[in-house]
Structure formats: C-alpha cells, structure tokens
Amino acid sequence: MSTALALNTTRRLAPQAPSSLPPVPWRDPHSVSQDELSAYIRQLEQACLENPRSADLRTALGMAHAVNYDVYKSMDALEEARAVEPENFWAQLKYAELHYRLRALNKAEEETRRAADLAQNPIQLAIARKQMKDIRDLKHTCVRNVEWTKPLTVPALLFSAGIVMMFVVMLWK
C-alpha cells in the first residue's frame, strides 16, 4: 500500500484562535515552580496594565494568584474583572469558585447562581450547575456554615452571670 496519497491533516485539526491571554505555562498547577508562577503573574499584571478593560486578563490574573495561594490579590483581581465586565461568565464563575474553595458556601452559592444566569451556552450552564451541586452537597453533608445574624447579648449576659455565681459560691466556702 502506498503512503504517497495519505494527507497529513493534523495541522488543520487544531486551528490557532487569536487570544489576548498569555499561554499557560503548565498543565498541573501543583507542578509549577514558584519562579515560573511569579513570572507568569508579572506577565499577566503587565498585560492588565496594557489592556485595562479586559475582564479575561483579570480573571486569568485572579486564577494565577489563587494558584499562588494569595487569596486577597485573587479576590481583588476577580472583583475587578466583574466590575470591568459584569456580564462575563468566567469572571463570575471563578469568583464564585474562590468563595467555594474558601468554604464561604452561602456566598459561593449566591455567586454561582449569578454565573448560571450569565451562561451563554449549554456547556457553561453545565459547569455552573456542577459547581452548584458540589456546593450544595458540601453544605448538606460535612460543613456547617453558620451566619451570625442573631444578637449575642442575652447569651453573653447569662454566661457572665453564671461565671459571677460560680465565683461567689467559690468565695462563700
């Protein structure tokens, strides 16, 4: 059999789409070196300065800060991405995911619901629903997420009165 007629079509299978995002230098975030990650963050920060209206760049910067375990910078970058483009699905989803990873589950559920409302295709909707399912499973099974909405004055006064009573009883004897 002759191979002269076989065409090499592998280059046509992966078209190069123009992208404003720098390429991610790793596949597994746990295997990236600290120097490589710092260089990538600097590159993203420079790109954000050059394109201040790009929510995608700020979302990528927030994700890079999250990989670097810098929660505050990650939160700031993702909030800026949402402010720049409020209708950006990925910025909203990653903001919700950061809350999920921090175990602020009530806030994560609320933000993921907003991301599901912003979904533009079935794949995005499926990703948001999967994240919502994970959040709800975690809320119902293993994590107790208490919101401090009730005043604590009465329990604090009762506890203080109990301590005072114990002190008086101890002195009485």
Protein backbone atom coordinates (compact mmCIF):
# COMPACT_ATOMS: atom_id res chain seq x y z
CA MET A 1 0.00 0.00 0.00
CA SER A 2 1.34 3.40 -0.96
CA THR A 3 1.58 6.20 1.57
CA ALA A 4 2.04 8.83 -1.13
CA LEU A 5 -1.70 9.57 -1.22
CA ALA A 6 -2.10 9.92 2.53
CA LEU A 7 -2.51 13.53 3.52
CA ASN A 8 -1.21 14.99 6.71
CA THR A 9 -4.20 16.85 8.15
CA THR A 10 -3.04 17.17 11.74
CA ARG A 11 -2.31 20.89 11.37
CA ARG A 12 -5.85 21.59 10.23
CA LEU A 13 -7.35 19.82 13.24
CA ALA A 14 -6.07 22.38 15.72
CA PRO A 15 -6.73 25.87 14.37
CA GLN A 16 -4.96 28.68 16.11
CA ALA A 17 -7.50 31.07 17.55
CA PRO A 18 -6.34 34.58 18.29
CA SER A 19 -6.16 35.12 22.00
CA SER A 20 -5.32 38.08 24.17
CA LEU A 21 -4.36 35.79 27.05
CA PRO A 22 -0.77 34.69 27.54
CA PRO A 23 -0.37 30.93 27.23
CA VAL A 24 -0.50 28.98 30.48
CA PRO A 25 2.99 27.54 31.02
CA TRP A 26 1.80 24.43 32.87
CA ARG A 27 -1.00 21.89 32.87
CA ASP A 28 -0.93 20.86 36.52
CA PRO A 29 -0.95 23.81 38.92
CA HIS A 30 0.69 21.68 41.62
CA SER A 31 3.78 21.07 39.49
CA VAL A 32 4.62 24.67 38.59
CA SER A 33 7.73 26.19 40.13
CA GLN A 34 7.46 29.36 42.21
CA ASP A 35 9.73 31.29 39.83
CA GLU A 36 7.70 30.28 36.80
CA LEU A 37 4.46 31.22 38.53
CA SER A 38 5.85 34.60 39.63
CA ALA A 39 7.00 35.34 36.08
CA TYR A 40 3.56 34.42 34.73
CA ILE A 41 1.84 36.66 37.30
CA ARG A 42 4.12 39.57 36.34
CA GLN A 43 3.32 38.94 32.67
CA LEU A 44 -0.41 38.97 33.42
CA GLU A 45 -0.12 42.14 35.53
CA GLN A 46 1.68 43.87 32.66
CA ALA A 47 -0.99 42.70 30.23
CA CYS A 48 -3.69 44.06 32.57
CA LEU A 49 -1.95 47.44 32.61
CA GLU A 50 -1.84 47.45 28.80
CA ASN A 51 -5.50 46.32 28.49
CA PRO A 52 -7.36 47.76 31.49
CA ARG A 53 -10.80 46.89 30.04
CA SER A 54 -10.09 43.15 29.62
CA ALA A 55 -12.07 41.04 32.07
CA ASP A 56 -10.47 37.87 30.69
CA LEU A 57 -6.96 39.04 31.62
CA ARG A 58 -8.08 39.99 35.11
CA THR A 59 -9.81 36.63 35.51
CA ALA A 60 -6.63 34.83 34.47
CA LEU A 61 -4.66 37.00 36.91
CA GLY A 62 -7.07 36.12 39.71
CA MET A 63 -6.69 32.43 38.93
CA ALA A 64 -2.90 32.73 38.89
CA HIS A 65 -2.94 34.46 42.28
CA ALA A 66 -5.18 31.66 43.58
CA VAL A 67 -2.66 29.05 42.39
CA ASN A 68 -0.04 31.09 44.25
CA TYR A 69 -2.22 30.90 47.43
CA ASP A 70 -2.61 34.69 47.51
CA VAL A 71 -6.30 34.93 48.33
CA TYR A 72 -6.58 38.69 48.74
CA LYS A 73 -4.94 39.51 45.41
CA SER A 74 -7.00 36.81 43.74
CA MET A 75 -10.22 38.22 45.19
CA ASP A 76 -9.23 41.76 44.12
CA ALA A 77 -8.44 40.68 40.55
CA LEU A 78 -11.69 38.73 40.20
CA GLU A 79 -13.75 41.60 41.64
CA GLU A 80 -12.08 43.96 39.16
CA ALA A 81 -12.88 41.54 36.32
CA ARG A 82 -16.54 41.53 37.37
CA ALA A 83 -16.56 45.33 37.62
CA VAL A 84 -14.99 45.74 34.18
CA GLU A 85 -17.43 43.35 32.52
CA PRO A 86 -20.42 42.43 34.72
CA GLU A 87 -21.80 40.02 32.10
CA ASN A 88 -18.62 37.90 31.91
CA PHE A 89 -19.50 34.31 32.78
CA TRP A 90 -15.96 33.14 33.55
CA ALA A 91 -15.16 36.05 35.86
CA GLN A 92 -18.36 35.41 37.79
CA LEU A 93 -17.82 31.64 37.93
CA LYS A 94 -14.21 31.91 39.12
CA TYR A 95 -15.23 34.48 41.73
CA ALA A 96 -17.85 32.02 42.99
CA GLU A 97 -15.31 29.18 42.86
CA LEU A 98 -12.89 31.15 45.02
CA HIS A 99 -15.60 31.53 47.65
CA TYR A 100 -16.33 27.81 47.35
CA ARG A 101 -12.69 26.94 47.91
CA LEU A 102 -12.59 29.28 50.91
CA ARG A 103 -15.70 27.46 52.22
CA ALA A 104 -17.84 30.59 52.26
CA LEU A 105 -20.61 28.38 50.93
CA ASN A 106 -23.59 30.71 51.20
CA LYS A 107 -21.76 33.41 49.23
CA ALA A 108 -20.45 30.80 46.78
CA GLU A 109 -23.95 29.51 46.13
CA GLU A 110 -25.29 33.01 45.52
CA GLU A 111 -22.44 33.91 43.13
CA THR A 112 -22.68 30.58 41.28
CA ARG A 113 -26.39 31.22 40.75
CA ARG A 114 -25.44 34.55 39.15
CA ALA A 115 -22.92 32.74 36.95
CA ALA A 116 -25.59 30.26 35.84
CA ASP A 117 -27.79 33.20 34.86
CA LEU A 118 -24.91 34.54 32.72
CA ALA A 119 -24.27 31.22 30.93
CA GLN A 120 -24.41 31.63 27.16
CA ASN A 121 -24.30 28.00 26.07
CA PRO A 122 -25.12 24.55 27.45
CA ILE A 123 -21.51 23.81 28.39
CA GLN A 124 -21.23 26.91 30.59
CA LEU A 125 -24.59 26.13 32.17
CA ALA A 126 -23.46 22.56 32.89
CA ILE A 127 -20.26 23.80 34.53
CA ALA A 128 -22.20 26.24 36.73
CA ARG A 129 -24.73 23.56 37.68
CA LYS A 130 -21.93 21.13 38.57
CA GLN A 131 -20.34 23.73 40.82
CA MET A 132 -23.74 24.48 42.39
CA LYS A 133 -24.26 20.75 43.03
CA ASP A 134 -20.84 20.47 44.68
CA ILE A 135 -21.57 23.48 46.89
CA ARG A 136 -24.95 22.13 47.96
CA ASP A 137 -23.53 18.67 48.63
CA LEU A 138 -20.84 20.20 50.81
CA LYS A 139 -23.39 22.35 52.63
CA HIS A 140 -25.62 19.36 53.39
CA THR A 141 -23.01 16.76 54.28
CA CYS A 142 -19.92 17.96 56.06
CA VAL A 143 -19.63 21.69 56.55
CA ARG A 144 -21.75 23.77 58.83
CA ASN A 145 -21.83 27.28 57.53
CA VAL A 146 -23.27 29.44 60.31
CA GLU A 147 -24.28 33.02 59.68
CA TRP A 148 -24.08 35.27 62.73
CA THR A 149 -27.31 37.19 62.34
CA LYS A 150 -28.74 36.90 65.84
CA PRO A 151 -27.63 39.18 68.69
CA LEU A 152 -25.47 37.54 71.34
CA THR A 153 -26.21 39.91 74.23
CA VAL A 154 -28.60 37.62 76.13
CA PRO A 155 -26.34 34.53 75.95
CA ALA A 156 -23.31 36.66 76.88
CA LEU A 157 -25.13 38.13 79.89
CA LEU A 158 -26.30 34.69 81.05
CA PHE A 159 -22.79 33.29 80.68
CA SER A 160 -21.32 36.22 82.62
CA ALA A 161 -23.94 35.80 85.37
CA GLY A 162 -23.04 32.10 85.61
CA ILE A 163 -19.35 32.91 85.97
CA VAL A 164 -20.11 35.51 88.67
CA MET A 165 -22.34 32.99 90.52
CA MET A 166 -19.56 30.37 90.43
CA PHE A 167 -17.09 32.95 91.75
CA VAL A 168 -19.44 33.88 94.63
CA VAL A 169 -20.02 30.22 95.52
CA MET A 170 -16.27 29.56 95.49
CA LEU A 171 -15.64 32.54 97.80
CA TRP A 172 -18.51 31.56 100.11
CA LYS A 173 -16.87 28.31 101.12
